[in-house]
Amino acid sequence: MSETETIHLRPRRIRVVCWTSAAVLVVVFSLVATSLTGATGNGYGSFQRGDQIAMVGLGVFGALGFLLFTRPRVEADARGVRVRNVLGSYELPWEVVRGVRFDRGAPWASLELHDDDLLPMVALQAADKERAVEGVRALRRLHQAHQTRLAEGATGR
């Protein structure tokens, strides 16, 4: 691994599912909006143009909610690792990372920190199979390279 190598990891399957679901949701809500015409159920009111626009707006907001799940990513280089999950982001130097874990049956990989915390990396999902495993291996190589540099610095080589 070179000093300047940077790893960029993003989930693949969840992005495809979310973008497809978001498009379907907008189309369904738009079709429902076009069918909102005439009187309401018992005839005391009628659907207006604003009701149709509101339905399309609800579809757009729902689609944006789906697209939040496309946000996760992991970037790592010789200095450290940056993890962005659905709601939070973390930037950690390799010094605080004890190891990179991807336990059997776990939905995603995680970083094991020296204070015994586990930081999930939602971008490395089990659903991506071999792609996620390769991402974990690349992170482990970067972490090991950092550990080697620390050991060489401590021995004065």
Protein backbone atom coordinates (compact mmCIF):
# COMPACT_ATOMS: atom_id res chain seq x y z
CA MET A 1 0.00 0.00 0.00
CA SER A 2 1.35 3.39 -0.91
CA GLU A 3 1.27 6.43 1.35
CA THR A 4 -1.10 8.27 -0.98
CA GLU A 5 -3.58 5.46 -1.60
CA THR A 6 -7.15 6.35 -0.71
CA ILE A 7 -9.95 3.82 -0.47
CA HIS A 8 -13.52 4.87 -1.31
CA LEU A 9 -16.26 2.40 -0.40
CA ARG A 10 -20.02 2.65 -0.92
CA PRO A 11 -22.75 0.04 -0.73
CA ARG A 12 -24.06 -1.15 -4.09
CA ARG A 13 -27.24 -3.15 -3.60
CA ILE A 14 -28.91 -0.78 -1.16
CA ARG A 15 -28.29 2.14 -3.54
CA VAL A 16 -30.00 0.32 -6.41
CA VAL A 17 -32.93 -0.68 -4.20
CA CYS A 18 -33.33 2.82 -2.76
CA TRP A 19 -33.16 4.66 -6.09
CA THR A 20 -35.65 2.24 -7.64
CA SER A 21 -37.99 2.47 -4.65
CA ALA A 22 -37.78 6.26 -4.65
CA ALA A 23 -38.71 6.46 -8.33
CA VAL A 24 -41.60 4.00 -7.89
CA LEU A 25 -42.87 5.94 -4.86
CA VAL A 26 -42.92 9.24 -6.78
CA VAL A 27 -44.71 7.61 -9.73
CA VAL A 28 -47.33 5.95 -7.49
CA PHE A 29 -48.04 9.13 -5.56
CA SER A 30 -48.27 11.08 -8.83
CA LEU A 31 -50.78 8.57 -10.19
CA VAL A 32 -52.80 8.77 -6.99
CA ALA A 33 -52.68 12.57 -7.24
CA THR A 34 -54.12 12.51 -10.76
CA SER A 35 -56.98 10.30 -9.59
CA LEU A 36 -57.97 12.76 -6.85
CA THR A 37 -60.84 14.51 -8.61
CA GLY A 38 -64.45 15.17 -7.84
CA ALA A 39 -66.31 14.90 -4.55
CA THR A 40 -64.96 13.26 -1.41
CA GLY A 41 -66.48 10.07 0.00
CA ASN A 42 -69.73 11.47 1.41
CA GLY A 43 -70.01 14.52 -0.85
CA TYR A 44 -69.28 17.31 1.68
CA GLY A 45 -66.16 18.45 -0.10
CA SER A 46 -64.18 18.02 -3.26
CA PHE A 47 -60.58 17.44 -4.12
CA GLN A 48 -58.76 20.57 -5.27
CA ARG A 49 -55.55 21.17 -7.17
CA GLY A 50 -53.76 21.74 -3.83
CA ASP A 51 -54.66 18.20 -2.73
CA GLN A 52 -53.08 16.80 -5.87
CA ILE A 53 -49.93 18.86 -5.37
CA ALA A 54 -49.77 17.74 -1.73
CA MET A 55 -49.89 14.07 -2.79
CA VAL A 56 -47.02 14.58 -5.23
CA GLY A 57 -45.13 16.43 -2.47
CA LEU A 58 -45.67 13.51 -0.07
CA GLY A 59 -44.26 11.17 -2.70
CA VAL A 60 -41.19 13.37 -3.13
CA PHE A 61 -40.60 13.56 0.64
CA GLY A 62 -40.98 9.79 0.93
CA ALA A 63 -38.48 9.32 -1.91
CA LEU A 64 -36.02 11.63 -0.16
CA GLY A 65 -36.41 9.48 2.95
CA PHE A 66 -35.48 6.40 0.91
CA LEU A 67 -32.48 8.22 -0.55
CA LEU A 68 -31.06 8.85 2.93
CA PHE A 69 -30.04 5.20 2.88
CA THR A 70 -27.74 5.87 -0.09
CA ARG A 71 -25.64 8.23 2.07
CA PRO A 72 -23.25 5.72 3.77
CA ARG A 73 -19.63 5.62 2.63
CA VAL A 74 -16.18 4.90 3.98
CA GLU A 75 -12.99 6.66 2.91
CA ALA A 76 -9.60 5.66 4.28
CA ASP A 77 -5.99 6.55 3.68
CA ALA A 78 -2.68 6.31 5.51
CA ARG A 79 -3.76 8.90 8.10
CA GLY A 80 -7.12 7.46 9.11
CA VAL A 81 -10.64 6.50 8.21
CA ARG A 82 -13.76 8.57 7.59
CA VAL A 83 -17.11 6.85 8.08
CA ARG A 84 -20.42 8.35 7.02
CA ASN A 85 -23.50 6.39 8.05
CA VAL A 86 -27.17 7.20 7.48
CA LEU A 87 -27.30 9.85 10.21
CA GLY A 88 -23.79 10.36 11.59
CA SER A 89 -20.24 10.92 10.40
CA TYR A 90 -16.92 10.11 12.05
CA GLU A 91 -13.31 10.87 11.23
CA LEU A 92 -10.83 8.71 13.11
CA PRO A 93 -7.05 8.42 12.98
CA TRP A 94 -5.73 4.86 12.76
CA GLU A 95 -4.26 5.28 16.27
CA VAL A 96 -7.70 4.86 17.87
CA VAL A 97 -8.65 1.81 15.77
CA ARG A 98 -7.85 -1.62 17.20
CA GLY A 99 -9.20 -3.59 14.25
CA VAL A 100 -11.68 -3.93 11.40
CA ARG A 101 -14.41 -6.49 12.11
CA PHE A 102 -16.89 -8.21 9.85
CA ASP A 103 -18.38 -10.93 12.03
CA ARG A 104 -20.26 -13.86 10.56
CA GLY A 105 -23.97 -13.01 10.44
CA ALA A 106 -23.40 -9.28 10.97
CA PRO A 107 -25.31 -7.00 8.59
CA TRP A 108 -22.28 -4.73 8.13
CA ALA A 109 -18.65 -4.31 9.11
CA SER A 110 -17.48 -2.27 12.06
CA LEU A 111 -14.39 -0.65 13.47
CA GLU A 112 -13.25 -1.88 16.86
CA LEU A 113 -11.79 1.04 18.79
CA HIS A 114 -9.21 0.94 21.59
CA ASP A 115 -11.86 2.08 24.10
CA ASP A 116 -13.85 -1.12 23.31
CA ASP A 117 -16.48 0.72 21.27
CA LEU A 118 -17.70 -0.65 17.95
CA LEU A 119 -18.35 1.86 15.19
CA PRO A 120 -20.63 0.42 12.50
CA MET A 121 -19.71 0.99 8.87
CA VAL A 122 -23.05 0.71 7.07
CA ALA A 123 -21.30 1.19 3.72
CA LEU A 124 -19.78 -2.31 3.99
CA GLN A 125 -22.93 -4.43 3.98
CA ALA A 126 -23.17 -8.21 3.94
CA ALA A 127 -25.66 -7.91 1.07
CA ASP A 128 -22.79 -6.75 -1.17
CA LYS A 129 -20.99 -10.05 -0.48
CA GLU A 130 -17.53 -10.24 -2.08
CA ARG A 131 -17.38 -6.49 -2.69
CA ALA A 132 -17.80 -5.86 1.05
CA VAL A 133 -15.22 -8.51 1.91
CA GLU A 134 -12.70 -6.87 -0.43
CA GLY A 135 -13.42 -3.51 1.17
CA VAL A 136 -12.77 -4.94 4.64
CA ARG A 137 -9.53 -6.51 3.42
CA ALA A 138 -8.38 -3.18 1.97
CA LEU A 139 -9.14 -1.41 5.27
CA ARG A 140 -7.26 -4.09 7.17
CA ARG A 141 -4.24 -3.64 4.88
CA LEU A 142 -4.24 0.12 5.51
CA HIS A 143 -4.58 -0.46 9.26
CA GLN A 144 -1.76 -3.02 9.23
CA ALA A 145 0.47 -0.66 7.22
CA HIS A 146 -0.12 2.01 9.86
CA GLN A 147 0.67 -0.46 12.67
CA THR A 148 3.90 -1.42 10.86
CA ARG A 149 4.93 2.25 10.52
CA LEU A 150 4.31 2.77 14.24
CA ALA A 151 6.40 -0.29 15.13
CA GLU A 152 9.26 0.82 12.87
CA GLY A 153 9.13 4.30 14.40
CA ALA A 154 9.27 2.84 17.91
CA THR A 155 12.31 0.69 17.14
CA GLY A 156 14.08 3.58 15.40
CA ARG A 157 14.50 1.96 11.98
